[in-house]
PDB file of N, CA and C in Angstrom:
ATOM      1  N   MET A   1      -4.842 -15.573   5.270  1.00  0.00           N
ATOM      2  CA  MET A   1      -3.810 -14.572   5.509  1.00  0.00           C
ATOM      3  C   MET A   1      -4.482 -13.405   6.230  1.00  0.00           C
ATOM      4  N   ASP A   2      -3.929 -12.962   7.343  1.00  0.00           N
ATOM      5  CA  ASP A   2      -4.547 -11.866   8.103  1.00  0.00           C
ATOM      6  C   ASP A   2      -4.113 -10.505   7.547  1.00  0.00           C
ATOM      7  N   SER A   3      -4.818  -9.462   7.947  1.00  0.00           N
ATOM      8  CA  SER A   3      -4.578  -8.137   7.382  1.00  0.00           C
ATOM      9  C   SER A   3      -3.184  -7.594   7.714  1.00  0.00           C
ATOM     10  N   ALA A   4      -2.636  -7.957   8.860  1.00  0.00           N
ATOM     11  CA  ALA A   4      -1.301  -7.486   9.209  1.00  0.00           C
ATOM     12  C   ALA A   4      -0.265  -8.101   8.262  1.00  0.00           C
ATOM     13  N   THR A   5      -0.394  -9.361   7.925  1.00  0.00           N
ATOM     14  CA  THR A   5       0.528 -10.024   7.012  1.00  0.00           C
ATOM     15  C   THR A   5       0.384  -9.437   5.596  1.00  0.00           C
ATOM     16  N   ILE A   6      -0.857  -9.212   5.191  1.00  0.00           N
ATOM     17  CA  ILE A   6      -1.103  -8.606   3.875  1.00  0.00           C
ATOM     18  C   ILE A   6      -0.484  -7.217   3.822  1.00  0.00           C
ATOM     19  N   LEU A   7      -0.656  -6.451   4.864  1.00  0.00           N
ATOM     20  CA  LEU A   7      -0.078  -5.098   4.919  1.00  0.00           C
ATOM     21  C   LEU A   7       1.436  -5.157   4.801  1.00  0.00           C
ATOM     22  N   ASP A   8       2.082  -6.073   5.509  1.00  0.00           N
ATOM     23  CA  ASP A   8       3.534  -6.212   5.439  1.00  0.00           C
ATOM     24  C   ASP A   8       3.974  -6.491   3.998  1.00  0.00           C
ATOM     25  N   GLU A   9       3.250  -7.370   3.310  1.00  0.00           N
ATOM     26  CA  GLU A   9       3.582  -7.692   1.912  1.00  0.00           C
ATOM     27  C   GLU A   9       3.419  -6.484   1.001  1.00  0.00           C
ATOM     28  N   LEU A  10       2.308  -5.765   1.183  1.00  0.00           N
ATOM     29  CA  LEU A  10       2.064  -4.584   0.361  1.00  0.00           C
ATOM     30  C   LEU A  10       3.105  -3.499   0.598  1.00  0.00           C
ATOM     31  N   LEU A  11       3.475  -3.299   1.845  1.00  0.00           N
ATOM     32  CA  LEU A  11       4.499  -2.300   2.156  1.00  0.00           C
ATOM     33  C   LEU A  11       5.836  -2.709   1.563  1.00  0.00           C
ATOM     34  N   SER A  12       6.145  -3.988   1.563  1.00  0.00           N
ATOM     35  CA  SER A  12       7.375  -4.462   0.917  1.00  0.00           C
ATOM     36  C   SER A  12       7.372  -4.175  -0.576  1.00  0.00           C
ATOM     37  N   LEU A  13       6.215  -4.354  -1.208  1.00  0.00           N
ATOM     38  CA  LEU A  13       6.094  -4.055  -2.637  1.00  0.00           C
ATOM     39  C   LEU A  13       6.303  -2.552  -2.903  1.00  0.00           C
ATOM     40  N   LEU A  14       5.762  -1.707  -2.035  1.00  0.00           N
ATOM     41  CA  LEU A  14       5.988  -0.277  -2.173  1.00  0.00           C
ATOM     42  C   LEU A  14       7.474   0.063  -2.044  1.00  0.00           C
ATOM     43  N   GLN A  15       8.122  -0.521  -1.062  1.00  0.00           N
ATOM     44  CA  GLN A  15       9.545  -0.277  -0.878  1.00  0.00           C
ATOM     45  C   GLN A  15      10.352  -0.773  -2.078  1.00  0.00           C
ATOM     46  N   ALA A  16       9.921  -1.857  -2.688  1.00  0.00           N
ATOM     47  CA  ALA A  16      10.603  -2.357  -3.880  1.00  0.00           C
ATOM     48  C   ALA A  16      10.457  -1.386  -5.050  1.00  0.00           C
ATOM     49  N   GLN A  17       9.469  -0.499  -4.985  1.00  0.00           N
ATOM     50  CA  GLN A  17       9.272   0.538  -5.993  1.00  0.00           C
ATOM     51  C   GLN A  17      10.025   1.824  -5.602  1.00  0.00           C
ATOM     52  N   ASN A  18      10.914   1.718  -4.599  1.00  0.00           N
ATOM     53  CA  ASN A  18      11.696   2.853  -4.083  1.00  0.00           C
ATOM     54  C   ASN A  18      10.809   3.958  -3.481  1.00  0.00           C
ATOM     55  N   ILE A  19       9.733   3.535  -2.861  1.00  0.00           N
ATOM     56  CA  ILE A  19       8.846   4.472  -2.176  1.00  0.00           C
ATOM     57  C   ILE A  19       9.077   4.330  -0.677  1.00  0.00           C
ATOM     58  N   PRO A  20       9.575   5.381  -0.027  1.00  0.00           N
ATOM     59  CA  PRO A  20       9.793   5.319   1.399  1.00  0.00           C
ATOM     60  C   PRO A  20       8.476   5.184   2.168  1.00  0.00           C
ATOM     61  N   ILE A  21       8.545   4.513   3.305  1.00  0.00           N
ATOM     62  CA  ILE A  21       7.392   4.308   4.169  1.00  0.00           C
ATOM     63  C   ILE A  21       7.640   5.121   5.446  1.00  0.00           C
ATOM     64  N   ARG A  22       6.631   5.903   5.820  1.00  0.00           N
ATOM     65  CA  ARG A  22       6.723   6.664   7.077  1.00  0.00           C
ATOM     66  C   ARG A  22       5.520   6.288   7.927  1.00  0.00           C
ATOM     67  N   ARG A  23       5.792   5.942   9.155  1.00  0.00           N
ATOM     68  CA  ARG A  23       4.734   5.598  10.123  1.00  0.00           C
ATOM     69  C   ARG A  23       4.517   6.780  11.053  1.00  0.00           C
ATOM     70  N   VAL A  24       3.305   7.368  10.955  1.00  0.00           N
ATOM     71  CA  VAL A  24       2.981   8.537  11.758  1.00  0.00           C
ATOM     72  C   VAL A  24       1.519   8.445  12.247  1.00  0.00           C
ATOM     73  N   SER A  25       1.221   9.207  13.247  1.00  0.00           N
ATOM     74  CA  SER A  25      -0.155   9.272  13.759  1.00  0.00           C
ATOM     75  C   SER A  25      -0.917  10.318  12.949  1.00  0.00           C
ATOM     76  N   LEU A  26      -1.979   9.835  12.248  1.00  0.00           N
ATOM     77  CA  LEU A  26      -2.745  10.734  11.362  1.00  0.00           C
ATOM     78  C   LEU A  26      -4.249  10.721  11.716  1.00  0.00           C
ATOM     79  N   GLY A  27      -4.612  10.223  12.885  1.00  0.00           N
ATOM     80  CA  GLY A  27      -5.993  10.291  13.317  1.00  0.00           C
ATOM     81  C   GLY A  27      -6.860   9.124  12.897  1.00  0.00           C
ATOM     82  N   GLY A  28      -6.260   8.052  12.374  1.00  0.00           N
ATOM     83  CA  GLY A  28      -7.037   6.859  12.062  1.00  0.00           C
ATOM     84  C   GLY A  28      -7.580   6.743  10.659  1.00  0.00           C
ATOM     85  N   GLU A  29      -7.120   7.582   9.733  1.00  0.00           N
ATOM     86  CA  GLU A  29      -7.639   7.547   8.356  1.00  0.00           C
ATOM     87  C   GLU A  29      -6.919   6.544   7.460  1.00  0.00           C
ATOM     88  N   GLY A  30      -5.827   5.964   7.909  1.00  0.00           N
ATOM     89  CA  GLY A  30      -5.149   4.938   7.106  1.00  0.00           C
ATOM     90  C   GLY A  30      -3.939   5.389   6.351  1.00  0.00           C
ATOM     91  N   GLY A  31      -3.688   6.687   6.255  1.00  0.00           N
ATOM     92  CA  GLY A  31      -2.521   7.186   5.532  1.00  0.00           C
ATOM     93  C   GLY A  31      -2.729   7.215   4.048  1.00  0.00           C
ATOM     94  N   GLY A  32      -1.633   7.106   3.289  1.00  0.00           N
ATOM     95  CA  GLY A  32      -1.734   7.110   1.838  1.00  0.00           C
ATOM     96  C   GLY A  32      -0.474   7.596   1.181  1.00  0.00           C
ATOM     97  N   LEU A  33      -0.524   7.636  -0.125  1.00  0.00           N
ATOM     98  CA  LEU A  33       0.621   8.036  -0.970  1.00  0.00           C
ATOM     99  C   LEU A  33       0.525   9.518  -1.243  1.00  0.00           C
ATOM    100  N   CYS A  34       1.657  10.205  -1.108  1.00  0.00           N
ATOM    101  CA  CYS A  34       1.691  11.610  -1.492  1.00  0.00           C
ATOM    102  C   CYS A  34       3.109  11.960  -1.928  1.00  0.00           C
ATOM    103  N   LYS A  35       3.252  13.122  -2.541  1.00  0.00           N
ATOM    104  CA  LYS A  35       4.571  13.586  -2.960  1.00  0.00           C
ATOM    105  C   LYS A  35       5.121  14.522  -1.882  1.00  0.00           C
ATOM    106  N   VAL A  36       6.359  14.289  -1.536  1.00  0.00           N
ATOM    107  CA  VAL A  36       7.061  15.157  -0.601  1.00  0.00           C
ATOM    108  C   VAL A  36       8.352  15.562  -1.298  1.00  0.00           C
ATOM    109  N   ARG A  37       8.467  16.855  -1.601  1.00  0.00           N
ATOM    110  CA  ARG A  37       9.631  17.374  -2.318  1.00  0.00           C
ATOM    111  C   ARG A  37       9.891  16.610  -3.604  1.00  0.00           C
ATOM    112  N   GLY A  38       8.816  16.311  -4.308  1.00  0.00           N
ATOM    113  CA  GLY A  38       8.932  15.658  -5.614  1.00  0.00           C
ATOM    114  C   GLY A  38       9.071  14.143  -5.571  1.00  0.00           C
ATOM    115  N   GLN A  39       9.098  13.551  -4.412  1.00  0.00           N
ATOM    116  CA  GLN A  39       9.243  12.092  -4.299  1.00  0.00           C
ATOM    117  C   GLN A  39       7.992  11.499  -3.663  1.00  0.00           C
ATOM    118  N   ASP A  40       7.530  10.355  -4.229  1.00  0.00           N
ATOM    119  CA  ASP A  40       6.420   9.652  -3.619  1.00  0.00           C
ATOM    120  C   ASP A  40       6.851   9.099  -2.264  1.00  0.00           C
ATOM    121  N   VAL A  41       5.953   9.263  -1.281  1.00  0.00           N
ATOM    122  CA  VAL A  41       6.155   8.734   0.074  1.00  0.00           C
ATOM    123  C   VAL A  41       4.817   8.130   0.507  1.00  0.00           C
ATOM    124  N   PHE A  42       4.865   6.957   1.106  1.00  0.00           N
ATOM    125  CA  PHE A  42       3.637   6.349   1.641  1.00  0.00           C
ATOM    126  C   PHE A  42       3.616   6.513   3.144  1.00  0.00           C
ATOM    127  N   PHE A  43       2.521   7.107   3.644  1.00  0.00           N
ATOM    128  CA  PHE A  43       2.338   7.322   5.058  1.00  0.00           C
ATOM    129  C   PHE A  43       1.412   6.260   5.637  1.00  0.00           C
ATOM    130  N   VAL A  44       1.895   5.571   6.657  1.00  0.00           N
ATOM    131  CA  VAL A  44       1.088   4.582   7.396  1.00  0.00           C
ATOM    132  C   VAL A  44       0.580   5.258   8.646  1.00  0.00           C
ATOM    133  N   ASP A  45      -0.734   5.352   8.761  1.00  0.00           N
ATOM    134  CA  ASP A  45      -1.331   5.963   9.953  1.00  0.00           C
ATOM    135  C   ASP A  45      -1.302   4.937  11.095  1.00  0.00           C
ATOM    136  N   THR A  46      -0.535   5.227  12.108  1.00  0.00           N
ATOM    137  CA  THR A  46      -0.386   4.286  13.223  1.00  0.00           C
ATOM    138  C   THR A  46      -1.656   4.152  14.062  1.00  0.00           C
ATOM    139  N   GLN A  47      -2.624   5.057  13.848  1.00  0.00           N
ATOM    140  CA  GLN A  47      -3.874   4.972  14.590  1.00  0.00           C
ATOM    141  C   GLN A  47      -4.963   4.222  13.806  1.00  0.00           C
ATOM    142  N   ALA A  48      -4.719   3.916  12.557  1.00  0.00           N
ATOM    143  CA  ALA A  48      -5.706   3.222  11.738  1.00  0.00           C
ATOM    144  C   ALA A  48      -5.572   1.727  11.933  1.00  0.00           C
ATOM    145  N   ASP A  49      -6.688   1.012  11.698  1.00  0.00           N
ATOM    146  CA  ASP A  49      -6.566  -0.446  11.769  1.00  0.00           C
ATOM    147  C   ASP A  49      -5.933  -0.974  10.482  1.00  0.00           C
ATOM    148  N   SER A  50      -5.425  -2.190  10.545  1.00  0.00           N
ATOM    149  CA  SER A  50      -4.699  -2.768   9.412  1.00  0.00           C
ATOM    150  C   SER A  50      -5.527  -2.842   8.140  1.00  0.00           C
ATOM    151  N   ALA A  51      -6.812  -3.135   8.259  1.00  0.00           N
ATOM    152  CA  ALA A  51      -7.661  -3.260   7.065  1.00  0.00           C
ATOM    153  C   ALA A  51      -7.753  -1.950   6.310  1.00  0.00           C
ATOM    154  N   ASP A  52      -7.882  -0.817   7.014  1.00  0.00           N
ATOM    155  CA  ASP A  52      -7.931   0.491   6.348  1.00  0.00           C
ATOM    156  C   ASP A  52      -6.596   0.793   5.662  1.00  0.00           C
ATOM    157  N   THR A  53      -5.514   0.480   6.325  1.00  0.00           N
ATOM    158  CA  THR A  53      -4.191   0.745   5.760  1.00  0.00           C
ATOM    159  C   THR A  53      -3.929  -0.151   4.569  1.00  0.00           C
ATOM    160  N   VAL A  54      -4.399  -1.407   4.627  1.00  0.00           N
ATOM    161  CA  VAL A  54      -4.269  -2.304   3.483  1.00  0.00           C
ATOM    162  C   VAL A  54      -4.948  -1.683   2.262  1.00  0.00           C
ATOM    163  N   ALA A  55      -6.127  -1.154   2.444  1.00  0.00           N
ATOM    164  CA  ALA A  55      -6.866  -0.548   1.319  1.00  0.00           C
ATOM    165  C   ALA A  55      -6.096   0.628   0.743  1.00  0.00           C
ATOM    166  N   LYS A  56      -5.591   1.497   1.587  1.00  0.00           N
ATOM    167  CA  LYS A  56      -4.824   2.669   1.105  1.00  0.00           C
ATOM    168  C   LYS A  56      -3.552   2.218   0.399  1.00  0.00           C
ATOM    169  N   CYS A  57      -2.899   1.217   0.935  1.00  0.00           N
ATOM    170  CA  CYS A  57      -1.669   0.725   0.344  1.00  0.00           C
ATOM    171  C   CYS A  57      -1.936   0.073  -1.018  1.00  0.00           C
ATOM    172  N   ALA A  58      -2.973  -0.732  -1.104  1.00  0.00           N
ATOM    173  CA  ALA A  58      -3.333  -1.382  -2.370  1.00  0.00           C
ATOM    174  C   ALA A  58      -3.693  -0.354  -3.423  1.00  0.00           C
ATOM    175  N   GLU A  59      -4.444   0.676  -3.049  1.00  0.00           N
ATOM    176  CA  GLU A  59      -4.791   1.747  -3.987  1.00  0.00           C
ATOM    177  C   GLU A  59      -3.527   2.429  -4.516  1.00  0.00           C
ATOM    178  N   SER A  60      -2.593   2.682  -3.629  1.00  0.00           N
ATOM    179  CA  SER A  60      -1.353   3.331  -4.020  1.00  0.00           C
ATOM    180  C   SER A  60      -0.527   2.459  -4.959  1.00  0.00           C
ATOM    181  N   LEU A  61      -0.403   1.188  -4.619  1.00  0.00           N
ATOM    182  CA  LEU A  61       0.355   0.272  -5.468  1.00  0.00           C
ATOM    183  C   LEU A  61      -0.252   0.155  -6.845  1.00  0.00           C
ATOM    184  N   ALA A  62      -1.564   0.161  -6.927  1.00  0.00           N
ATOM    185  CA  ALA A  62      -2.240   0.056  -8.203  1.00  0.00           C
ATOM    186  C   ALA A  62      -1.895   1.242  -9.112  1.00  0.00           C
ATOM    187  N   LYS A  63      -1.531   2.370  -8.501  1.00  0.00           N
ATOM    188  CA  LYS A  63      -1.163   3.550  -9.285  1.00  0.00           C
ATOM    189  C   LYS A  63       0.301   3.539  -9.724  1.00  0.00           C
ATOM    190  N   VAL A  64       1.181   2.965  -8.931  1.00  0.00           N
ATOM    191  CA  VAL A  64       2.617   3.110  -9.180  1.00  0.00           C
ATOM    192  C   VAL A  64       3.318   1.866  -9.677  1.00  0.00           C
ATOM    193  N   MET A  65       2.611   0.747  -9.760  1.00  0.00           N
ATOM    194  CA  MET A  65       3.278  -0.513 -10.096  1.00  0.00           C
ATOM    195  C   MET A  65       2.534  -1.258 -11.182  1.00  0.00           C
ATOM    196  N   ASP A  66       3.277  -1.787 -12.141  1.00  0.00           N
ATOM    197  CA  ASP A  66       2.688  -2.643 -13.157  1.00  0.00           C
ATOM    198  C   ASP A  66       2.754  -4.071 -12.619  1.00  0.00           C
ATOM    199  N   ILE A  67       1.638  -4.554 -12.090  1.00  0.00           N
ATOM    200  CA  ILE A  67       1.646  -5.863 -11.410  1.00  0.00           C
ATOM    201  C   ILE A  67       1.779  -7.019 -12.385  1.00  0.00           C
ATOM    202  N   GLU A  68       1.668  -6.748 -13.664  1.00  0.00           N
ATOM    203  CA  GLU A  68       1.823  -7.831 -14.669  1.00  0.00           C
ATOM    204  C   GLU A  68       3.287  -8.184 -14.898  1.00  0.00           C
ATOM    205  N   LYS A  69       4.205  -7.338 -14.485  1.00  0.00           N
ATOM    206  CA  LYS A  69       5.622  -7.550 -14.777  1.00  0.00           C
ATOM    207  C   LYS A  69       6.419  -8.121 -13.583  1.00  0.00           C
ATOM    208  N   VAL A  70       5.718  -8.381 -12.481  1.00  0.00           N
ATOM    209  CA  VAL A  70       6.400  -8.802 -11.271  1.00  0.00           C
ATOM    210  C   VAL A  70       5.659 -10.014 -10.681  1.00  0.00           C
ATOM    211  N   TYR A  71       6.428 -10.958 -10.109  1.00  0.00           N
ATOM    212  CA  TYR A  71       5.777 -12.052  -9.402  1.00  0.00           C
ATOM    213  C   TYR A  71       5.237 -11.508  -8.085  1.00  0.00           C
ATOM    214  N   ILE A  72       3.939 -11.746  -7.858  1.00  0.00           N
ATOM    215  CA  ILE A  72       3.287 -11.363  -6.599  1.00  0.00           C
ATOM    216  C   ILE A  72       2.460 -12.552  -6.159  1.00  0.00           C
ATOM    217  N   ARG A  73       2.521 -12.878  -4.876  1.00  0.00           N
ATOM    218  CA  ARG A  73       1.731 -14.000  -4.367  1.00  0.00           C
ATOM    219  C   ARG A  73       0.286 -13.846  -4.799  1.00  0.00           C
ATOM    220  N   PRO A  74      -0.360 -14.937  -5.159  1.00  0.00           N
ATOM    221  CA  PRO A  74      -1.728 -14.884  -5.679  1.00  0.00           C
ATOM    222  C   PRO A  74      -2.722 -14.147  -4.772  1.00  0.00           C
ATOM    223  N   GLU A  75      -2.623 -14.317  -3.463  1.00  0.00           N
ATOM    224  CA  GLU A  75      -3.541 -13.649  -2.540  1.00  0.00           C
ATOM    225  C   GLU A  75      -3.358 -12.128  -2.602  1.00  0.00           C
ATOM    226  N   ILE A  76      -2.117 -11.703  -2.737  1.00  0.00           N
ATOM    227  CA  ILE A  76      -1.809 -10.280  -2.798  1.00  0.00           C
ATOM    228  C   ILE A  76      -2.200  -9.719  -4.170  1.00  0.00           C
ATOM    229  N   ARG A  77      -1.954 -10.471  -5.211  1.00  0.00           N
ATOM    230  CA  ARG A  77      -2.319 -10.050  -6.564  1.00  0.00           C
ATOM    231  C   ARG A  77      -3.821  -9.823  -6.657  1.00  0.00           C
ATOM    232  N   GLU A  78      -4.591 -10.681  -6.048  1.00  0.00           N
ATOM    233  CA  GLU A  78      -6.052 -10.565  -6.062  1.00  0.00           C
ATOM    234  C   GLU A  78      -6.498  -9.235  -5.438  1.00  0.00           C
ATOM    235  N   ILE A  79      -5.876  -8.876  -4.340  1.00  0.00           N
ATOM    236  CA  ILE A  79      -6.191  -7.614  -3.675  1.00  0.00           C
ATOM    237  C   ILE A  79      -5.817  -6.444  -4.564  1.00  0.00           C
ATOM    238  N   LEU A  80      -4.629  -6.492  -5.164  1.00  0.00           N
ATOM    239  CA  LEU A  80      -4.194  -5.386  -6.033  1.00  0.00           C
ATOM    240  C   LEU A  80      -5.081  -5.247  -7.244  1.00  0.00           C
ATOM    241  N   GLU A  81      -5.501  -6.360  -7.823  1.00  0.00           N
ATOM    242  CA  GLU A  81      -6.360  -6.275  -8.993  1.00  0.00           C
ATOM    243  C   GLU A  81      -7.714  -5.651  -8.641  1.00  0.00           C
ATOM    244  N   LYS A  82      -8.181  -5.901  -7.445  1.00  0.00           N
ATOM    245  CA  LYS A  82      -9.428  -5.286  -6.998  1.00  0.00           C
ATOM    246  C   LYS A  82      -9.298  -3.765  -7.002  1.00  0.00           C
ATOM    247  N   TYR A  83      -8.198  -3.245  -6.489  1.00  0.00           N
ATOM    248  CA  TYR A  83      -8.006  -1.809  -6.404  1.00  0.00           C
ATOM    249  C   TYR A  83      -7.563  -1.190  -7.720  1.00  0.00           C
ATOM    250  N   ARG A  84      -6.931  -1.975  -8.561  1.00  0.00           N
ATOM    251  CA  ARG A  84      -6.510  -1.472  -9.877  1.00  0.00           C
ATOM    252  C   ARG A  84      -7.742  -1.168 -10.740  1.00  0.00           C
ATOM    253  N   GLY A  85      -8.790  -1.927 -10.531  1.00  0.00           N
ATOM    254  CA  GLY A  85     -10.018  -1.727 -11.271  1.00  0.00           C
ATOM    255  C   GLY A  85     -10.832  -0.525 -10.797  1.00  0.00           C
ATOM    256  N   GLY A  86     -10.377   0.131  -9.725  1.00  0.00           N
ATOM    257  CA  GLY A  86     -11.062   1.323  -9.223  1.00  0.00           C
ATOM    258  C   GLY A  86     -12.215   1.045  -8.283  1.00  0.00           C
ATOM    259  N   THR A  87     -12.325  -0.201  -7.774  1.00  0.00           N
ATOM    260  CA  THR A  87     -13.405  -0.510  -6.862  1.00  0.00           C
ATOM    261  C   THR A  87     -12.954  -0.399  -5.415  1.00  0.00           C
TER     262      THR A  87
END
């Protein structure tokens, strides 16, 4: 599974948690989760490569989602578990 496909799956999981996704140019850092007017929003840095954004997205999901209560494809679950452990 390539990083673009993984990113799409992770972004879909964020949206399923009612977290809006915004795609903006942020200088290549990968974006991340932040609160805007009291609501979580995930920013995708359009200048970052997919692998960096995958990492930021997985870190964010590990904070806002209980992955034990939802079916997640095994490849995606493995990535989330890596970031849930703080590594």
